[in-house]
Amino acid sequence: MDILPTGRFIDPFTDFGFKRLFGSEPNKDLLIDFLNQIMGEERQIIDLTYNQTENFGDSDENRKVIFDLLCTGSNGEQFIIEMQRVRQEYFKDRSLYYTSSLITQQAPKGGPKWNYNLKPVYLIGIMDFSFDETHGDQYLHRVQLMKSDTFEVFYDKLGFVFIEIPKFLKSEEELSSELDNWLFLLKNMSRLDKIPVILRKPVFSKLFNIAEVSNLTGKEKMAYDESLKIKWDNYNGMDYAIKEGRASGIKEGIKEGIKEGIKEGIKKGIKEGIKEGKEENQKQIALAMKNKGMEISLIGELTGLSENEIEKL
């Protein structure tokens, strides 16, 4: 395996980095502190329980949902934490689908009549891209169901927080809150060569110790390198897939266009081409990891492919 150039601290915008910092029981105090800064006065979290990240529908027709992180607070409230690395056209739609899947699963199976008293569900979307340019320099978006005439909160048990990390432009000297500190850290951690003075606090000291690349075991370093490669390949692969998808998509689209109309056929072909390009890129990465002797379960975690798909490679 090629040795990839890395900084002193791991990149939190990789699967390995995100889950190492926030995804394990010994480090849940980091996640609790981070979520409390995001939620503010709306809801303060005392304790969290990690839940399985795969959520299955009630039937074969309902899709399986895989979250980055899923946690339950001590009062039963649920938190979905998504680290979205590349732009996705329907990220808002997916966020609503994810929260809806948790809400519907609260209904008891059989038993006495249910009174529909739901537990709160929140989705935190940490985005390494921007929705669009319509929000100017606003990087933090809090979304709830509100009355359109008075802007009063209509329902407080469903909430979304979207953070556009590229729009967070504060320097170290401009940080003025604990949330600022967290967002500065997430955006700049992989580029830091020393711990900023303002972040020399117990919670961040623990985080930097966990994030120190030199503290990784050989196996962890291998997993991190693969995770970095996947991140970079995803960014590069997106551009490649779009170019290749357009070429192959136009070809297939023309064929489809003969039957359904050239205009609609080309659009469909382009989308299918881009999708196939992304899937093939992930399979090539998984095959390379498999040939290096990495565990099937770890490959699946890093690439999003099922163990069955990896076995067939």
C-alpha atoms as a PDB file:
ATOM      1  CA  MET A   1       0.000   0.000   0.000  1.00  0.00           C
ATOM      2  CA  ASP A   2       1.257   3.464  -0.869  1.00  0.00           C
ATOM      3  CA  ILE A   3       1.941   5.718   2.124  1.00  0.00           C
ATOM      4  CA  LEU A   4      -0.278   8.755   1.843  1.00  0.00           C
ATOM      5  CA  PRO A   5       0.912  12.174   3.033  1.00  0.00           C
ATOM      6  CA  THR A   6      -0.939  13.136   6.211  1.00  0.00           C
ATOM      7  CA  GLY A   7      -0.829  15.958   8.735  1.00  0.00           C
ATOM      8  CA  ARG A   8      -0.296  15.699  12.453  1.00  0.00           C
ATOM      9  CA  PHE A   9      -4.023  15.164  13.154  1.00  0.00           C
ATOM     10  CA  ILE A  10      -6.577  13.000  11.380  1.00  0.00           C
ATOM     11  CA  ASP A  11      -9.091  14.431   8.958  1.00  0.00           C
ATOM     12  CA  PRO A  12     -12.581  14.386  10.567  1.00  0.00           C
ATOM     13  CA  PHE A  13     -14.148  14.492   7.093  1.00  0.00           C
ATOM     14  CA  THR A  14     -13.195  10.866   6.503  1.00  0.00           C
ATOM     15  CA  ASP A  15     -15.247   7.887   7.671  1.00  0.00           C
ATOM     16  CA  PHE A  16     -12.391   6.692   9.855  1.00  0.00           C
ATOM     17  CA  GLY A  17     -11.707  10.122  11.356  1.00  0.00           C
ATOM     18  CA  PHE A  18     -15.346  10.976  12.068  1.00  0.00           C
ATOM     19  CA  LYS A  19     -16.093   7.662  13.754  1.00  0.00           C
ATOM     20  CA  ARG A  20     -12.825   7.629  15.707  1.00  0.00           C
ATOM     21  CA  LEU A  21     -13.607  11.025  17.213  1.00  0.00           C
ATOM     22  CA  PHE A  22     -17.335  10.660  17.799  1.00  0.00           C
ATOM     23  CA  GLY A  23     -18.425   7.078  17.235  1.00  0.00           C
ATOM     24  CA  SER A  24     -17.297   5.045  20.244  1.00  0.00           C
ATOM     25  CA  GLU A  25     -18.452   4.686  23.838  1.00  0.00           C
ATOM     26  CA  PRO A  26     -15.159   5.861  25.442  1.00  0.00           C
ATOM     27  CA  ASN A  27     -15.379   9.099  23.446  1.00  0.00           C
ATOM     28  CA  LYS A  28     -19.072   9.855  23.767  1.00  0.00           C
ATOM     29  CA  ASP A  29     -18.306  12.807  26.059  1.00  0.00           C
ATOM     30  CA  LEU A  30     -16.862  14.509  22.958  1.00  0.00           C
ATOM     31  CA  LEU A  31     -20.061  13.926  20.998  1.00  0.00           C
ATOM     32  CA  ILE A  32     -22.218  15.096  23.929  1.00  0.00           C
ATOM     33  CA  ASP A  33     -20.250  18.338  24.235  1.00  0.00           C
ATOM     34  CA  PHE A  34     -20.411  18.944  20.479  1.00  0.00           C
ATOM     35  CA  LEU A  35     -24.171  18.291  20.289  1.00  0.00           C
ATOM     36  CA  ASN A  36     -24.860  20.490  23.313  1.00  0.00           C
ATOM     37  CA  GLN A  37     -23.091  23.396  21.623  1.00  0.00           C
ATOM     38  CA  ILE A  38     -25.183  22.828  18.491  1.00  0.00           C
ATOM     39  CA  MET A  39     -28.525  22.380  20.263  1.00  0.00           C
ATOM     40  CA  GLY A  40     -27.991  25.317  22.644  1.00  0.00           C
ATOM     41  CA  GLU A  41     -30.863  26.074  24.986  1.00  0.00           C
ATOM     42  CA  GLU A  42     -33.301  23.994  22.948  1.00  0.00           C
ATOM     43  CA  ARG A  43     -32.064  20.710  24.425  1.00  0.00           C
ATOM     44  CA  GLN A  44     -29.112  19.824  26.629  1.00  0.00           C
ATOM     45  CA  ILE A  45     -27.901  16.213  26.585  1.00  0.00           C
ATOM     46  CA  ILE A  46     -26.793  14.503  29.773  1.00  0.00           C
ATOM     47  CA  ASP A  47     -26.019  11.073  28.375  1.00  0.00           C
ATOM     48  CA  LEU A  48     -26.154   9.181  25.071  1.00  0.00           C
ATOM     49  CA  THR A  49     -26.518   5.584  23.981  1.00  0.00           C
ATOM     50  CA  TYR A  50     -25.111   4.545  20.619  1.00  0.00           C
ATOM     51  CA  ASN A  51     -27.592   2.684  18.422  1.00  0.00           C
ATOM     52  CA  GLN A  52     -26.977   0.465  15.420  1.00  0.00           C
ATOM     53  CA  THR A  53     -26.591   2.568  12.296  1.00  0.00           C
ATOM     54  CA  GLU A  54     -28.677   0.287  10.062  1.00  0.00           C
ATOM     55  CA  ASN A  55     -32.406   0.911  10.174  1.00  0.00           C
ATOM     56  CA  PHE A  56     -34.571  -1.627   8.347  1.00  0.00           C
ATOM     57  CA  GLY A  57     -38.033  -0.914   6.959  1.00  0.00           C
ATOM     58  CA  ASP A  58     -41.129  -2.862   7.900  1.00  0.00           C
ATOM     59  CA  SER A  59     -41.192  -4.736   4.581  1.00  0.00           C
ATOM     60  CA  ASP A  60     -38.962  -5.733   1.681  1.00  0.00           C
ATOM     61  CA  GLU A  61     -40.319  -2.771  -0.266  1.00  0.00           C
ATOM     62  CA  ASN A  62     -39.026  -0.290   2.331  1.00  0.00           C
ATOM     63  CA  ARG A  63     -35.367   0.592   1.892  1.00  0.00           C
ATOM     64  CA  LYS A  64     -32.690  -0.049   4.473  1.00  0.00           C
ATOM     65  CA  VAL A  65     -31.333   3.207   5.925  1.00  0.00           C
ATOM     66  CA  ILE A  66     -27.697   3.500   7.040  1.00  0.00           C
ATOM     67  CA  PHE A  67     -26.786   6.464   9.225  1.00  0.00           C
ATOM     68  CA  ASP A  68     -23.297   7.780   9.943  1.00  0.00           C
ATOM     69  CA  LEU A  69     -24.160   7.907  13.658  1.00  0.00           C
ATOM     70  CA  LEU A  70     -27.414   7.302  15.535  1.00  0.00           C
ATOM     71  CA  CYS A  71     -27.736   8.007  19.257  1.00  0.00           C
ATOM     72  CA  THR A  72     -30.501   8.106  21.857  1.00  0.00           C
ATOM     73  CA  GLY A  73     -30.502  10.611  24.705  1.00  0.00           C
ATOM     74  CA  SER A  74     -31.394   9.774  28.299  1.00  0.00           C
ATOM     75  CA  ASN A  75     -34.928  11.127  27.755  1.00  0.00           C
ATOM     76  CA  GLY A  76     -35.523   9.021  24.645  1.00  0.00           C
ATOM     77  CA  GLU A  77     -34.774  11.709  22.064  1.00  0.00           C
ATOM     78  CA  GLN A  78     -32.906  10.453  18.991  1.00  0.00           C
ATOM     79  CA  PHE A  79     -30.045  12.135  17.147  1.00  0.00           C
ATOM     80  CA  ILE A  80     -28.921  11.339  13.614  1.00  0.00           C
ATOM     81  CA  ILE A  81     -25.469  12.785  12.904  1.00  0.00           C
ATOM     82  CA  GLU A  82     -24.513  12.861   9.233  1.00  0.00           C
ATOM     83  CA  MET A  83     -21.098  13.918   7.946  1.00  0.00           C
ATOM     84  CA  GLN A  84     -21.793  14.724   4.285  1.00  0.00           C
ATOM     85  CA  ARG A  85     -18.545  15.047   2.353  1.00  0.00           C
ATOM     86  CA  VAL A  86     -19.667  15.719  -1.208  1.00  0.00           C
ATOM     87  CA  ARG A  87     -22.642  17.571  -2.612  1.00  0.00           C
ATOM     88  CA  GLN A  88     -25.772  15.468  -3.011  1.00  0.00           C
ATOM     89  CA  GLU A  89     -28.648  16.769  -5.097  1.00  0.00           C
ATOM     90  CA  TYR A  90     -31.355  15.529  -2.742  1.00  0.00           C
ATOM     91  CA  PHE A  91     -29.610  15.854   0.622  1.00  0.00           C
ATOM     92  CA  LYS A  92     -32.569  17.723   2.134  1.00  0.00           C
ATOM     93  CA  ASP A  93     -34.941  15.017   0.909  1.00  0.00           C
ATOM     94  CA  ARG A  94     -32.695  12.294   2.329  1.00  0.00           C
ATOM     95  CA  SER A  95     -32.557  14.082   5.672  1.00  0.00           C
ATOM     96  CA  LEU A  96     -36.350  14.180   5.857  1.00  0.00           C
ATOM     97  CA  TYR A  97     -36.550  10.509   4.852  1.00  0.00           C
ATOM     98  CA  TYR A  98     -34.060   9.541   7.559  1.00  0.00           C
ATOM     99  CA  THR A  99     -35.950  11.319  10.332  1.00  0.00           C
ATOM    100  CA  SER A 100     -39.275   9.979   9.070  1.00  0.00           C
ATOM    101  CA  SER A 101     -37.971   6.421   9.205  1.00  0.00           C
ATOM    102  CA  LEU A 102     -37.192   6.835  12.924  1.00  0.00           C
ATOM    103  CA  ILE A 103     -40.557   8.431  13.638  1.00  0.00           C
ATOM    104  CA  THR A 104     -42.516   5.616  12.000  1.00  0.00           C
ATOM    105  CA  GLN A 105     -40.545   3.015  13.953  1.00  0.00           C
ATOM    106  CA  GLN A 106     -41.781   4.494  17.227  1.00  0.00           C
ATOM    107  CA  ALA A 107     -45.210   2.977  16.615  1.00  0.00           C
ATOM    108  CA  PRO A 108     -45.590  -0.141  18.804  1.00  0.00           C
ATOM    109  CA  LYS A 109     -46.032  -3.478  17.067  1.00  0.00           C
ATOM    110  CA  GLY A 110     -49.418  -4.757  18.253  1.00  0.00           C
ATOM    111  CA  GLY A 111     -50.385  -4.379  21.875  1.00  0.00           C
ATOM    112  CA  PRO A 112     -52.701  -1.733  23.358  1.00  0.00           C
ATOM    113  CA  LYS A 113     -53.946   1.323  21.520  1.00  0.00           C
ATOM    114  CA  TRP A 114     -51.212   3.921  21.026  1.00  0.00           C
ATOM    115  CA  ASN A 115     -51.680   7.625  21.787  1.00  0.00           C
ATOM    116  CA  TYR A 116     -49.092   8.874  19.235  1.00  0.00           C
ATOM    117  CA  ASN A 117     -46.901  10.497  21.884  1.00  0.00           C
ATOM    118  CA  LEU A 118     -43.638  10.699  19.941  1.00  0.00           C
ATOM    119  CA  LYS A 119     -40.087  11.100  21.193  1.00  0.00           C
ATOM    120  CA  PRO A 120     -38.128  13.973  19.593  1.00  0.00           C
ATOM    121  CA  VAL A 121     -35.986  13.264  16.527  1.00  0.00           C
ATOM    122  CA  TYR A 122     -33.155  15.540  15.398  1.00  0.00           C
ATOM    123  CA  LEU A 123     -30.801  15.388  12.416  1.00  0.00           C
ATOM    124  CA  ILE A 124     -27.444  17.153  12.502  1.00  0.00           C
ATOM    125  CA  GLY A 125     -25.950  17.546   9.026  1.00  0.00           C
ATOM    126  CA  ILE A 126     -22.259  18.539   8.973  1.00  0.00           C
ATOM    127  CA  MET A 127     -21.594  19.427   5.354  1.00  0.00           C
ATOM    128  CA  ASP A 128     -18.269  19.868   3.575  1.00  0.00           C
ATOM    129  CA  PHE A 129     -20.117  21.796   0.854  1.00  0.00           C
ATOM    130  CA  SER A 130     -22.784  24.507   0.570  1.00  0.00           C
ATOM    131  CA  PHE A 131     -26.422  24.044  -0.403  1.00  0.00           C
ATOM    132  CA  ASP A 132     -26.243  26.936  -2.844  1.00  0.00           C
ATOM    133  CA  GLU A 133     -25.360  30.624  -2.924  1.00  0.00           C
ATOM    134  CA  THR A 134     -28.768  31.950  -1.842  1.00  0.00           C
ATOM    135  CA  HIS A 135     -27.857  32.070   1.873  1.00  0.00           C
ATOM    136  CA  GLY A 136     -24.823  34.344   1.514  1.00  0.00           C
ATOM    137  CA  ASP A 137     -22.393  33.746   4.359  1.00  0.00           C
ATOM    138  CA  GLN A 138     -24.911  31.999   6.643  1.00  0.00           C
ATOM    139  CA  TYR A 139     -23.342  28.671   7.604  1.00  0.00           C
ATOM    140  CA  LEU A 140     -25.705  27.489  10.367  1.00  0.00           C
ATOM    141  CA  HIS A 141     -29.313  26.597   9.529  1.00  0.00           C
ATOM    142  CA  ARG A 142     -31.836  25.543  12.194  1.00  0.00           C
ATOM    143  CA  VAL A 143     -35.044  24.124  10.727  1.00  0.00           C
ATOM    144  CA  GLN A 144     -38.331  23.336  12.491  1.00  0.00           C
ATOM    145  CA  LEU A 145     -42.026  23.137  11.643  1.00  0.00           C
ATOM    146  CA  MET A 146     -43.299  26.692  12.080  1.00  0.00           C
ATOM    147  CA  LYS A 147     -46.472  28.686  11.460  1.00  0.00           C
ATOM    148  CA  SER A 148     -46.034  30.558   8.202  1.00  0.00           C
ATOM    149  CA  ASP A 149     -47.884  33.670   9.404  1.00  0.00           C
ATOM    150  CA  THR A 150     -46.381  34.193  12.886  1.00  0.00           C
ATOM    151  CA  PHE A 151     -43.135  32.157  12.552  1.00  0.00           C
ATOM    152  CA  GLU A 152     -43.909  30.518  15.898  1.00  0.00           C
ATOM    153  CA  VAL A 153     -42.754  26.953  16.398  1.00  0.00           C
ATOM    154  CA  PHE A 154     -45.668  24.660  15.583  1.00  0.00           C
ATOM    155  CA  TYR A 155     -43.996  21.358  16.532  1.00  0.00           C
ATOM    156  CA  ASP A 156     -40.833  21.081  18.612  1.00  0.00           C
ATOM    157  CA  LYS A 157     -40.139  17.341  18.418  1.00  0.00           C
ATOM    158  CA  LEU A 158     -38.616  17.377  14.928  1.00  0.00           C
ATOM    159  CA  GLY A 159     -35.563  19.465  14.197  1.00  0.00           C
ATOM    160  CA  PHE A 160     -32.775  19.793  11.665  1.00  0.00           C
ATOM    161  CA  VAL A 161     -29.452  21.578  12.000  1.00  0.00           C
ATOM    162  CA  PHE A 162     -27.373  21.957   8.843  1.00  0.00           C
ATOM    163  CA  ILE A 163     -23.834  23.331   9.069  1.00  0.00           C
ATOM    164  CA  GLU A 164     -22.097  24.441   5.859  1.00  0.00           C
ATOM    165  CA  ILE A 165     -18.463  24.126   6.933  1.00  0.00           C
ATOM    166  CA  PRO A 166     -16.950  25.904   3.860  1.00  0.00           C
ATOM    167  CA  LYS A 167     -18.846  29.076   4.836  1.00  0.00           C
ATOM    168  CA  PHE A 168     -17.331  29.130   8.327  1.00  0.00           C
ATOM    169  CA  LEU A 169     -14.528  31.644   7.749  1.00  0.00           C
ATOM    170  CA  LYS A 170     -13.579  32.747  11.265  1.00  0.00           C
ATOM    171  CA  SER A 171      -9.912  32.846  12.131  1.00  0.00           C
ATOM    172  CA  GLU A 172      -8.512  31.668  15.466  1.00  0.00           C
ATOM    173  CA  GLU A 173      -8.593  35.249  16.774  1.00  0.00           C
ATOM    174  CA  GLU A 174     -12.282  35.653  15.860  1.00  0.00           C
ATOM    175  CA  LEU A 175     -13.604  32.633  17.749  1.00  0.00           C
ATOM    176  CA  SER A 176     -16.140  33.800  20.324  1.00  0.00           C
ATOM    177  CA  SER A 177     -18.097  30.724  21.463  1.00  0.00           C
ATOM    178  CA  GLU A 178     -17.663  27.028  22.143  1.00  0.00           C
ATOM    179  CA  LEU A 179     -19.562  26.256  18.940  1.00  0.00           C
ATOM    180  CA  ASP A 180     -17.111  28.470  17.045  1.00  0.00           C
ATOM    181  CA  ASN A 181     -14.285  26.448  18.590  1.00  0.00           C
ATOM    182  CA  TRP A 182     -15.824  23.160  17.430  1.00  0.00           C
ATOM    183  CA  LEU A 183     -16.464  24.354  13.883  1.00  0.00           C
ATOM    184  CA  PHE A 184     -12.968  25.835  13.590  1.00  0.00           C
ATOM    185  CA  LEU A 185     -11.547  22.533  14.786  1.00  0.00           C
ATOM    186  CA  LEU A 186     -13.569  20.418  12.347  1.00  0.00           C
ATOM    187  CA  LYS A 187     -12.647  22.613   9.400  1.00  0.00           C
ATOM    188  CA  ASN A 188      -8.947  23.002  10.173  1.00  0.00           C
ATOM    189  CA  MET A 189      -7.873  19.979  12.244  1.00  0.00           C
ATOM    190  CA  SER A 190      -6.146  18.086   9.442  1.00  0.00           C
ATOM    191  CA  ARG A 191      -4.116  21.211   8.590  1.00  0.00           C
ATOM    192  CA  LEU A 192      -2.985  22.091  12.118  1.00  0.00           C
ATOM    193  CA  ASP A 193       0.579  21.366  13.224  1.00  0.00           C
ATOM    194  CA  LYS A 194       0.000  22.498  16.822  1.00  0.00           C
ATOM    195  CA  ILE A 195      -2.923  22.905  19.203  1.00  0.00           C
ATOM    196  CA  PRO A 196      -4.284  26.486  19.186  1.00  0.00           C
ATOM    197  CA  VAL A 197      -4.129  28.205  22.572  1.00  0.00           C
ATOM    198  CA  ILE A 198      -7.878  28.849  22.630  1.00  0.00           C
ATOM    199  CA  LEU A 199      -8.535  25.104  22.254  1.00  0.00           C
ATOM    200  CA  ARG A 200      -6.341  24.038  25.179  1.00  0.00           C
ATOM    201  CA  LYS A 201      -9.275  22.853  27.258  1.00  0.00           C
ATOM    202  CA  PRO A 202      -9.918  19.350  28.686  1.00  0.00           C
ATOM    203  CA  VAL A 203     -12.488  18.304  26.080  1.00  0.00           C
ATOM    204  CA  PHE A 204     -10.282  19.427  23.180  1.00  0.00           C
ATOM    205  CA  SER A 205      -7.115  18.043  24.781  1.00  0.00           C
ATOM    206  CA  LYS A 206      -8.738  14.603  24.771  1.00  0.00           C
ATOM    207  CA  LEU A 207      -9.892  15.059  21.192  1.00  0.00           C
ATOM    208  CA  PHE A 208      -6.445  16.101  19.919  1.00  0.00           C
ATOM    209  CA  ASN A 209      -4.853  13.142  21.698  1.00  0.00           C
ATOM    210  CA  ILE A 210      -7.288  10.779  19.954  1.00  0.00           C
ATOM    211  CA  ALA A 211      -6.742  12.563  16.634  1.00  0.00           C
ATOM    212  CA  GLU A 212      -2.923  12.432  16.728  1.00  0.00           C
ATOM    213  CA  VAL A 213      -1.867  10.359  13.732  1.00  0.00           C
ATOM    214  CA  SER A 214       1.251   9.182  15.574  1.00  0.00           C
ATOM    215  CA  ASN A 215      -1.004   7.527  18.189  1.00  0.00           C
ATOM    216  CA  LEU A 216      -2.641   5.241  15.619  1.00  0.00           C
ATOM    217  CA  THR A 217      -1.706   1.577  15.561  1.00  0.00           C
ATOM    218  CA  GLY A 218      -0.414   0.090  12.337  1.00  0.00           C
ATOM    219  CA  LYS A 219      -3.834  -1.344  11.524  1.00  0.00           C
ATOM    220  CA  GLU A 220      -5.557   1.937  12.355  1.00  0.00           C
ATOM    221  CA  LYS A 221      -3.114   3.869  10.193  1.00  0.00           C
ATOM    222  CA  MET A 222      -3.828   1.503   7.304  1.00  0.00           C
ATOM    223  CA  ALA A 223      -7.569   2.032   7.758  1.00  0.00           C
ATOM    224  CA  TYR A 224      -7.094   5.794   7.943  1.00  0.00           C
ATOM    225  CA  ASP A 225      -4.986   5.853   4.770  1.00  0.00           C
ATOM    226  CA  GLU A 226      -7.699   3.919   2.947  1.00  0.00           C
ATOM    227  CA  SER A 227     -10.330   6.280   4.305  1.00  0.00           C
ATOM    228  CA  LEU A 228      -8.319   9.272   3.067  1.00  0.00           C
ATOM    229  CA  LYS A 229      -7.909   7.653  -0.319  1.00  0.00           C
ATOM    230  CA  ILE A 230     -11.646   7.060  -0.542  1.00  0.00           C
ATOM    231  CA  LYS A 231     -12.328  10.697   0.322  1.00  0.00           C
ATOM    232  CA  TRP A 232      -9.928  11.972  -2.320  1.00  0.00           C
ATOM    233  CA  ASP A 233     -11.115   9.412  -4.855  1.00  0.00           C
ATOM    234  CA  ASN A 234     -14.711  10.426  -4.182  1.00  0.00           C
ATOM    235  CA  TYR A 235     -13.908  14.049  -4.941  1.00  0.00           C
ATOM    236  CA  ASN A 236     -11.907  13.145  -8.038  1.00  0.00           C
ATOM    237  CA  GLY A 237     -14.298  10.384  -8.988  1.00  0.00           C
ATOM    238  CA  MET A 238     -17.215  12.773  -8.891  1.00  0.00           C
ATOM    239  CA  ASP A 239     -15.658  14.904 -11.624  1.00  0.00           C
ATOM    240  CA  TYR A 240     -14.612  11.830 -13.588  1.00  0.00           C
ATOM    241  CA  ALA A 241     -18.017  10.189 -13.252  1.00  0.00           C
ATOM    242  CA  ILE A 242     -19.772  13.325 -14.427  1.00  0.00           C
ATOM    243  CA  LYS A 243     -17.558  13.546 -17.518  1.00  0.00           C
ATOM    244  CA  GLU A 244     -17.778   9.848 -18.297  1.00  0.00           C
ATOM    245  CA  GLY A 245     -21.436   9.761 -17.364  1.00  0.00           C
ATOM    246  CA  ARG A 246     -22.210  12.504 -19.795  1.00  0.00           C
ATOM    247  CA  ALA A 247     -20.449  10.676 -22.604  1.00  0.00           C
ATOM    248  CA  SER A 248     -21.957   7.232 -21.972  1.00  0.00           C
ATOM    249  CA  GLY A 249     -25.200   8.745 -20.765  1.00  0.00           C
ATOM    250  CA  ILE A 250     -25.720  10.671 -23.978  1.00  0.00           C
ATOM    251  CA  LYS A 251     -25.157   7.493 -25.971  1.00  0.00           C
ATOM    252  CA  GLU A 252     -27.661   5.494 -23.934  1.00  0.00           C
ATOM    253  CA  GLY A 253     -29.925   8.491 -23.755  1.00  0.00           C
ATOM    254  CA  ILE A 254     -30.164   8.745 -27.502  1.00  0.00           C
ATOM    255  CA  LYS A 255     -31.301   5.125 -27.674  1.00  0.00           C
ATOM    256  CA  GLU A 256     -33.890   5.751 -25.008  1.00  0.00           C
ATOM    257  CA  GLY A 257     -34.830   8.988 -26.685  1.00  0.00           C
ATOM    258  CA  ILE A 258     -35.970   7.147 -29.792  1.00  0.00           C
ATOM    259  CA  LYS A 259     -38.728   5.615 -27.691  1.00  0.00           C
ATOM    260  CA  GLU A 260     -39.506   8.301 -25.147  1.00  0.00           C
ATOM    261  CA  GLY A 261     -38.262  11.502 -26.754  1.00  0.00           C
ATOM    262  CA  ILE A 262     -34.676  12.584 -27.265  1.00  0.00           C
ATOM    263  CA  LYS A 263     -34.781  15.303 -24.627  1.00  0.00           C
ATOM    264  CA  GLU A 264     -35.990  13.111 -21.749  1.00  0.00           C
ATOM    265  CA  GLY A 265     -33.847  10.191 -22.882  1.00  0.00           C
ATOM    266  CA  ILE A 266     -30.606  12.175 -22.770  1.00  0.00           C
ATOM    267  CA  LYS A 267     -31.388  13.481 -19.281  1.00  0.00           C
ATOM    268  CA  LYS A 268     -32.068   9.959 -18.015  1.00  0.00           C
ATOM    269  CA  GLY A 269     -28.959   8.567 -19.682  1.00  0.00           C
ATOM    270  CA  ILE A 270     -26.720  11.197 -18.110  1.00  0.00           C
ATOM    271  CA  LYS A 271     -28.069  10.456 -14.630  1.00  0.00           C
ATOM    272  CA  GLU A 272     -27.632   6.698 -15.062  1.00  0.00           C
ATOM    273  CA  GLY A 273     -24.132   7.173 -16.419  1.00  0.00           C
ATOM    274  CA  ILE A 274     -23.097   9.289 -13.446  1.00  0.00           C
ATOM    275  CA  LYS A 275     -24.600   6.742 -11.024  1.00  0.00           C
ATOM    276  CA  GLU A 276     -22.782   3.847 -12.689  1.00  0.00           C
ATOM    277  CA  GLY A 277     -19.535   5.793 -12.639  1.00  0.00           C
ATOM    278  CA  LYS A 278     -19.796   6.356  -8.880  1.00  0.00           C
ATOM    279  CA  GLU A 279     -20.653   2.686  -8.174  1.00  0.00           C
ATOM    280  CA  GLU A 280     -17.816   1.393 -10.334  1.00  0.00           C
ATOM    281  CA  ASN A 281     -15.378   3.761  -8.615  1.00  0.00           C
ATOM    282  CA  GLN A 282     -16.350   2.408  -5.166  1.00  0.00           C
ATOM    283  CA  LYS A 283     -16.003  -1.199  -6.395  1.00  0.00           C
ATOM    284  CA  GLN A 284     -12.509  -0.519  -7.742  1.00  0.00           C
ATOM    285  CA  ILE A 285     -11.478   0.964  -4.397  1.00  0.00           C
ATOM    286  CA  ALA A 286     -12.985  -1.995  -2.512  1.00  0.00           C
ATOM    287  CA  LEU A 287     -11.176  -4.479  -4.771  1.00  0.00           C
ATOM    288  CA  ALA A 288      -7.845  -2.758  -4.118  1.00  0.00           C
ATOM    289  CA  MET A 289      -8.486  -2.889  -0.364  1.00  0.00           C
ATOM    290  CA  LYS A 290      -9.491  -6.562  -0.607  1.00  0.00           C
ATOM    291  CA  ASN A 291      -6.311  -7.396  -2.511  1.00  0.00           C
ATOM    292  CA  LYS A 292      -4.326  -5.750   0.309  1.00  0.00           C
ATOM    293  CA  GLY A 293      -5.847  -8.217   2.770  1.00  0.00           C
ATOM    294  CA  MET A 294      -8.132  -5.837   4.633  1.00  0.00           C
ATOM    295  CA  GLU A 295     -11.103  -7.299   6.503  1.00  0.00           C
ATOM    296  CA  ILE A 296     -14.362  -7.489   4.564  1.00  0.00           C
ATOM    297  CA  SER A 297     -16.317  -5.762   7.355  1.00  0.00           C
ATOM    298  CA  LEU A 298     -13.866  -2.833   7.424  1.00  0.00           C
ATOM    299  CA  ILE A 299     -13.986  -2.508   3.632  1.00  0.00           C
ATOM    300  CA  GLY A 300     -17.778  -2.402   3.823  1.00  0.00           C
ATOM    301  CA  GLU A 301     -17.685   0.300   6.498  1.00  0.00           C
ATOM    302  CA  LEU A 302     -15.322   2.476   4.461  1.00  0.00           C
ATOM    303  CA  THR A 303     -16.920   2.045   1.015  1.00  0.00           C
ATOM    304  CA  GLY A 304     -20.610   1.525   1.821  1.00  0.00           C
ATOM    305  CA  LEU A 305     -20.702  -1.743  -0.174  1.00  0.00           C
ATOM    306  CA  SER A 306     -22.341  -4.840   1.299  1.00  0.00           C
ATOM    307  CA  GLU A 307     -20.206  -7.816   2.333  1.00  0.00           C
ATOM    308  CA  ASN A 308     -21.884  -9.857  -0.424  1.00  0.00           C
ATOM    309  CA  GLU A 309     -20.871  -7.306  -3.059  1.00  0.00           C
ATOM    310  CA  ILE A 310     -17.299  -7.269  -1.769  1.00  0.00           C
ATOM    311  CA  GLU A 311     -17.077 -11.090  -1.731  1.00  0.00           C
ATOM    312  CA  LYS A 312     -18.048 -11.192  -5.415  1.00  0.00           C
ATOM    313  CA  LEU A 313     -15.262  -8.796  -6.452  1.00  0.00           C
END
